[in-house]
């Protein structure tokens, strides 16, 4: 049985609050502009974008993809005045009017229609601007308090959580300055837990390196010419083109002569929502 959107939200984020899922503060919610909404979406989608998880274990990539899809649909609802009003007034998420593109929407392609393709330099610049900012400090405090100092959960949610040493240094600094309280789960965490996380990161890093080398070899490019982000974008475009051609062929052969519109076509009409 297919799960509903509200069930997916609860299972993945523990809530059906779309503002929480996009990490929109109470203050921003009261005066939510298109720019603030798009910025919140971009920030969260950068954290969970499938391209960032190329080469990692399937389970972790599946979780990231699920979160990315939910974040994208949350943005789509809040970005549409009619859908936003319905959600704000009822709290419902499973109304047919919310299913704007259909259940098989490629949110990756929708994202790429809104933002330029991610390059390695884009990610580096994003993290460079974020690290050391007030925004990063606020995020660390928020997740530290939310999870009562549980580093396993904190590292899963904060941007740059793969650098545990840095995150721990920043949290210790916040403790020293009295900006957060000392939770036992953080200050008394067994050394075995840290070692376990380190071994897991090393395993994932080796798997990622192996996967990237395989993708590079398949691309026919040298190590100097190869860019993982560009390669993933090219593959995504190729899959989209092949899919469009396939459906076009079916419609011409079996349909009534009308052709399916691609996402991003201004003349396209939303498909009827699934029952």
Protein backbone atom coordinates (compact mmCIF):
# COMPACT_ATOMS: atom_id res chain seq x y z
CA UNK A 1 0.00 0.00 0.00
CA UNK A 2 1.38 3.39 -1.03
CA UNK A 3 1.97 5.77 1.87
CA UNK A 4 0.50 9.28 1.89
CA UNK A 5 2.54 12.46 1.93
CA UNK A 6 1.67 13.18 5.56
CA UNK A 7 2.79 9.65 6.51
CA UNK A 8 6.07 10.16 4.65
CA UNK A 9 6.64 13.46 6.47
CA UNK A 10 6.01 11.89 9.88
CA UNK A 11 8.18 8.86 9.18
CA UNK A 12 11.08 10.89 7.77
CA UNK A 13 11.01 14.14 9.76
CA UNK A 14 8.79 13.20 12.71
CA UNK A 15 6.27 15.94 11.89
CA UNK A 16 3.81 17.19 9.28
CA UNK A 17 4.81 20.82 9.91
CA UNK A 18 6.11 21.97 6.52
CA UNK A 19 7.66 25.08 8.06
CA UNK A 20 9.68 22.92 10.43
CA UNK A 21 10.73 20.61 7.58
CA UNK A 22 12.09 23.62 5.68
CA UNK A 23 13.53 25.02 8.95
CA UNK A 24 11.58 28.26 8.64
CA UNK A 25 11.58 30.10 11.97
CA UNK A 26 8.47 31.47 13.65
CA UNK A 27 9.64 35.01 12.90
CA UNK A 28 10.17 34.27 9.19
CA UNK A 29 6.86 32.42 9.01
CA UNK A 30 4.98 35.54 10.11
CA UNK A 31 6.56 37.55 7.30
CA UNK A 32 7.39 34.86 4.75
CA UNK A 33 8.56 36.34 1.47
CA UNK A 34 9.23 34.41 -1.72
CA UNK A 35 12.94 35.09 -1.27
CA UNK A 36 13.02 33.72 2.30
CA UNK A 37 11.06 30.63 1.27
CA UNK A 38 13.32 29.93 -1.69
CA UNK A 39 16.43 30.44 0.46
CA UNK A 40 15.12 27.99 3.08
CA UNK A 41 14.36 25.46 0.35
CA UNK A 42 17.77 25.87 -1.25
CA UNK A 43 19.58 25.44 2.04
CA UNK A 44 17.73 22.25 2.99
CA UNK A 45 17.85 20.79 -0.51
CA UNK A 46 21.61 21.39 -0.67
CA UNK A 47 21.92 19.35 2.52
CA UNK A 48 19.99 16.38 1.11
CA UNK A 49 20.46 16.70 -2.67
CA UNK A 50 21.00 13.22 -4.21
CA UNK A 51 24.11 14.43 -6.07
CA UNK A 52 25.89 14.87 -2.74
CA UNK A 53 25.38 11.19 -1.93
CA UNK A 54 26.86 9.65 -5.06
CA UNK A 55 28.90 6.64 -4.02
CA UNK A 56 27.56 6.27 -0.47
CA UNK A 57 25.80 3.17 0.78
CA UNK A 58 22.34 2.59 -0.76
CA UNK A 59 20.46 2.91 2.53
CA UNK A 60 21.90 6.34 3.34
CA UNK A 61 21.34 7.57 -0.21
CA UNK A 62 17.72 6.35 -0.10
CA UNK A 63 17.09 8.31 3.11
CA UNK A 64 18.63 11.45 1.60
CA UNK A 65 16.57 11.07 -1.57
CA UNK A 66 13.38 10.65 0.46
CA UNK A 67 14.14 13.79 2.46
CA UNK A 68 14.96 15.71 -0.72
CA UNK A 69 11.64 14.72 -2.29
CA UNK A 70 9.65 15.71 0.81
CA UNK A 71 11.50 19.04 1.09
CA UNK A 72 10.76 19.75 -2.57
CA UNK A 73 7.06 19.00 -2.24
CA UNK A 74 6.88 21.07 0.98
CA UNK A 75 8.34 24.02 -0.92
CA UNK A 76 5.92 23.51 -3.80
CA UNK A 77 2.95 23.66 -1.43
CA UNK A 78 4.12 26.75 0.46
CA UNK A 79 5.14 28.49 -2.76
CA UNK A 80 1.63 28.23 -4.20
CA UNK A 81 -0.75 30.81 -2.61
CA UNK A 82 -3.83 28.60 -2.92
CA UNK A 83 -2.11 25.47 -1.60
CA UNK A 84 -0.44 27.45 1.20
CA UNK A 85 -3.77 28.94 2.30
CA UNK A 86 -5.40 25.51 2.32
CA UNK A 87 -2.53 24.01 4.32
CA UNK A 88 -2.34 26.91 6.78
CA UNK A 89 -6.07 26.82 7.44
CA UNK A 90 -6.57 23.05 7.66
CA UNK A 91 -3.16 21.48 8.28
CA UNK A 92 -4.06 18.84 5.71
CA UNK A 93 -1.41 17.45 3.39
CA UNK A 94 -3.14 14.68 1.47
CA UNK A 95 -5.68 16.73 -0.47
CA UNK A 96 -5.66 15.95 -4.20
CA UNK A 97 -5.00 19.61 -5.02
CA UNK A 98 -1.52 19.28 -3.47
CA UNK A 99 -0.46 16.63 -5.98
CA UNK A 100 0.65 19.22 -8.54
CA UNK A 101 2.68 17.09 -10.94
CA UNK A 102 1.73 13.56 -10.01
CA UNK A 103 3.23 10.90 -7.77
CA UNK A 104 6.09 10.10 -10.14
CA UNK A 105 7.44 13.65 -10.27
CA UNK A 106 11.20 13.88 -10.80
CA UNK A 107 11.93 16.49 -8.11
CA UNK A 108 15.57 16.50 -9.12
CA UNK A 109 14.59 17.88 -12.52
CA UNK A 110 12.20 20.38 -10.92
CA UNK A 111 15.08 21.55 -8.73
CA UNK A 112 17.39 21.93 -11.70
CA UNK A 113 14.74 24.04 -13.46
CA UNK A 114 14.81 26.46 -10.50
CA UNK A 115 18.53 26.56 -9.72
CA UNK A 116 21.64 26.31 -11.84
CA UNK A 117 23.36 22.89 -11.83
CA UNK A 118 25.49 22.25 -8.75
CA UNK A 119 29.23 22.32 -9.35
CA UNK A 120 31.98 21.38 -6.96
CA UNK A 121 32.84 25.08 -6.65
CA UNK A 122 29.22 25.91 -5.75
CA UNK A 123 29.29 23.46 -2.85
CA UNK A 124 32.68 24.75 -1.68
CA UNK A 125 31.43 28.36 -1.78
CA UNK A 126 28.23 27.41 0.02
CA UNK A 127 30.13 25.77 2.88
CA UNK A 128 32.72 28.56 2.97
CA UNK A 129 30.00 31.15 3.48
CA UNK A 130 28.07 29.01 5.96
CA UNK A 131 30.97 27.95 8.18
CA UNK A 132 31.63 30.37 10.99
CA UNK A 133 28.40 32.27 10.33
CA UNK A 134 25.70 33.14 12.85
CA UNK A 135 23.43 30.82 10.90
CA UNK A 136 25.72 27.85 11.57
CA UNK A 137 25.91 28.69 15.28
CA UNK A 138 22.11 28.93 15.47
CA UNK A 139 21.76 25.54 13.74
CA UNK A 140 24.22 23.89 16.11
CA UNK A 141 22.40 25.25 19.17
CA UNK A 142 19.04 24.20 17.77
CA UNK A 143 19.99 20.60 17.02
CA UNK A 144 22.08 20.23 20.18
CA UNK A 145 19.08 21.23 22.32
CA UNK A 146 16.61 19.25 20.22
CA UNK A 147 18.55 15.99 20.59
CA UNK A 148 19.81 16.67 24.12
CA UNK A 149 23.44 16.38 23.05
CA UNK A 150 23.07 13.10 21.12
CA UNK A 151 25.92 13.37 18.61
CA UNK A 152 24.63 10.57 16.39
CA UNK A 153 21.50 12.59 15.65
CA UNK A 154 23.18 16.01 15.67
CA UNK A 155 25.71 14.97 13.02
CA UNK A 156 22.92 13.63 10.81
CA UNK A 157 21.17 17.02 10.74
CA UNK A 158 23.81 19.75 10.81
CA UNK A 159 25.43 20.94 7.60
CA UNK A 160 29.02 19.71 7.60
CA UNK A 161 28.23 16.90 10.01
CA UNK A 162 30.83 14.72 8.33
CA UNK A 163 33.50 16.79 10.13
CA UNK A 164 32.77 15.57 13.65
CA UNK A 165 35.94 17.02 15.15
CA UNK A 166 34.96 20.54 14.07
CA UNK A 167 31.34 20.17 15.21
CA UNK A 168 32.48 18.91 18.61
CA UNK A 169 34.97 21.80 18.92
CA UNK A 170 32.22 24.35 18.18
CA UNK A 171 29.82 22.75 20.66
CA UNK A 172 32.50 22.72 23.37
CA UNK A 173 33.07 26.41 22.71
CA UNK A 174 29.34 27.06 23.09
CA UNK A 175 29.42 25.13 26.37
CA UNK A 176 32.37 27.15 27.64
CA UNK A 177 30.61 30.43 26.86
CA UNK A 178 27.38 29.29 28.51
CA UNK A 179 25.28 29.37 25.33
CA UNK A 180 24.24 25.74 25.77
CA UNK A 181 23.90 23.51 28.82
CA UNK A 182 25.90 20.34 29.43
CA UNK A 183 23.85 17.27 28.51
CA UNK A 184 25.22 13.92 29.67
CA UNK A 185 24.76 12.42 26.22
CA UNK A 186 27.35 14.87 24.95
CA UNK A 187 29.82 15.38 27.80
CA UNK A 188 29.75 11.75 28.96
CA UNK A 189 29.50 10.01 25.61
CA UNK A 190 31.53 6.75 25.59
CA UNK A 191 34.67 6.79 23.47
CA UNK A 192 33.39 3.63 21.76
CA UNK A 193 30.59 5.66 20.14
CA UNK A 194 33.07 8.08 18.57
CA UNK A 195 35.24 5.22 17.29
CA UNK A 196 32.16 3.52 15.82
CA UNK A 197 31.20 6.70 13.91
CA UNK A 198 34.78 7.17 12.69
CA UNK A 199 34.96 3.63 11.31
CA UNK A 200 31.60 4.14 9.59
CA UNK A 201 32.82 7.38 7.96
CA UNK A 202 36.01 5.69 6.76
CA UNK A 203 34.00 2.84 5.27
CA UNK A 204 31.67 5.26 3.50
CA UNK A 205 34.61 7.31 2.23
CA UNK A 206 36.24 4.24 0.67
CA UNK A 207 32.97 3.18 -0.95
CA UNK A 208 32.43 6.71 -2.28
CA UNK A 209 35.96 6.86 -3.71
CA UNK A 210 35.49 3.53 -5.44
CA UNK A 211 32.15 4.62 -6.89
CA UNK A 212 33.50 7.95 -8.13
CA UNK A 213 36.42 6.20 -9.87
CA UNK A 214 33.95 3.88 -11.57
CA UNK A 215 31.83 6.81 -12.77
CA UNK A 216 34.98 8.59 -13.99
CA UNK A 217 36.07 5.52 -15.94
CA UNK A 218 32.63 5.21 -17.55
CA UNK A 219 32.75 8.89 -18.56
CA UNK A 220 35.97 8.37 -20.50
CA UNK A 221 37.49 11.50 -18.93
CA UNK A 222 40.81 11.88 -17.19
CA UNK A 223 41.01 12.61 -13.47
CA UNK A 224 41.83 16.26 -14.29
CA UNK A 225 38.87 16.65 -16.66
CA UNK A 226 36.33 14.76 -14.55
CA UNK A 227 33.84 16.63 -12.34
CA UNK A 228 31.40 14.43 -10.40
CA UNK A 229 28.71 17.10 -10.12
CA UNK A 230 28.80 17.87 -13.84
CA UNK A 231 28.72 14.18 -14.67
CA UNK A 232 25.67 13.57 -12.47
CA UNK A 233 23.91 16.56 -14.05
CA UNK A 234 24.67 15.23 -17.54
CA UNK A 235 23.34 11.78 -16.63
CA UNK A 236 20.18 13.31 -15.17
CA UNK A 237 19.55 15.30 -18.35
CA UNK A 238 20.17 12.22 -20.48
CA UNK A 239 17.69 10.15 -18.43
CA UNK A 240 15.09 12.91 -18.72
CA UNK A 241 15.55 13.11 -22.50
CA UNK A 242 15.31 9.32 -22.88
CA UNK A 243 12.18 9.25 -20.73
CA UNK A 244 10.54 12.05 -22.73
CA UNK A 245 11.36 10.30 -26.01
CA UNK A 246 9.97 6.99 -24.70
CA UNK A 247 6.66 8.51 -23.59
CA UNK A 248 6.40 10.52 -26.79
CA UNK A 249 6.80 7.32 -28.78
CA UNK A 250 4.08 5.56 -26.77
CA UNK A 251 1.67 8.46 -27.10
CA UNK A 252 2.21 8.73 -30.84
CA UNK A 253 1.68 5.00 -31.25
CA UNK A 254 -1.16 4.37 -28.80
CA UNK A 255 -2.46 7.80 -27.76
CA UNK A 256 -4.68 10.36 -29.39
CA UNK A 257 -1.85 12.32 -30.97
CA UNK A 258 -1.29 14.70 -28.07
CA UNK A 259 2.20 14.85 -26.65
CA UNK A 260 3.17 14.96 -23.01
CA UNK A 261 4.62 18.28 -21.83
CA UNK A 262 7.92 18.29 -20.00
CA UNK A 263 8.32 19.81 -16.55
CA UNK A 264 9.25 23.44 -16.87
CA UNK A 265 7.18 23.96 -20.04
CA UNK A 266 5.09 27.05 -19.39
CA UNK A 267 2.24 25.62 -21.45
CA UNK A 268 2.15 22.34 -19.60
CA UNK A 269 -0.94 21.43 -17.65
CA UNK A 270 -0.67 19.55 -14.36
CA UNK A 271 -1.66 15.93 -14.62
CA UNK A 272 -4.71 14.80 -12.74
CA UNK A 273 -3.84 13.81 -9.19
CA UNK A 274 -3.85 10.15 -8.30
CA UNK A 275 -6.82 8.88 -6.32
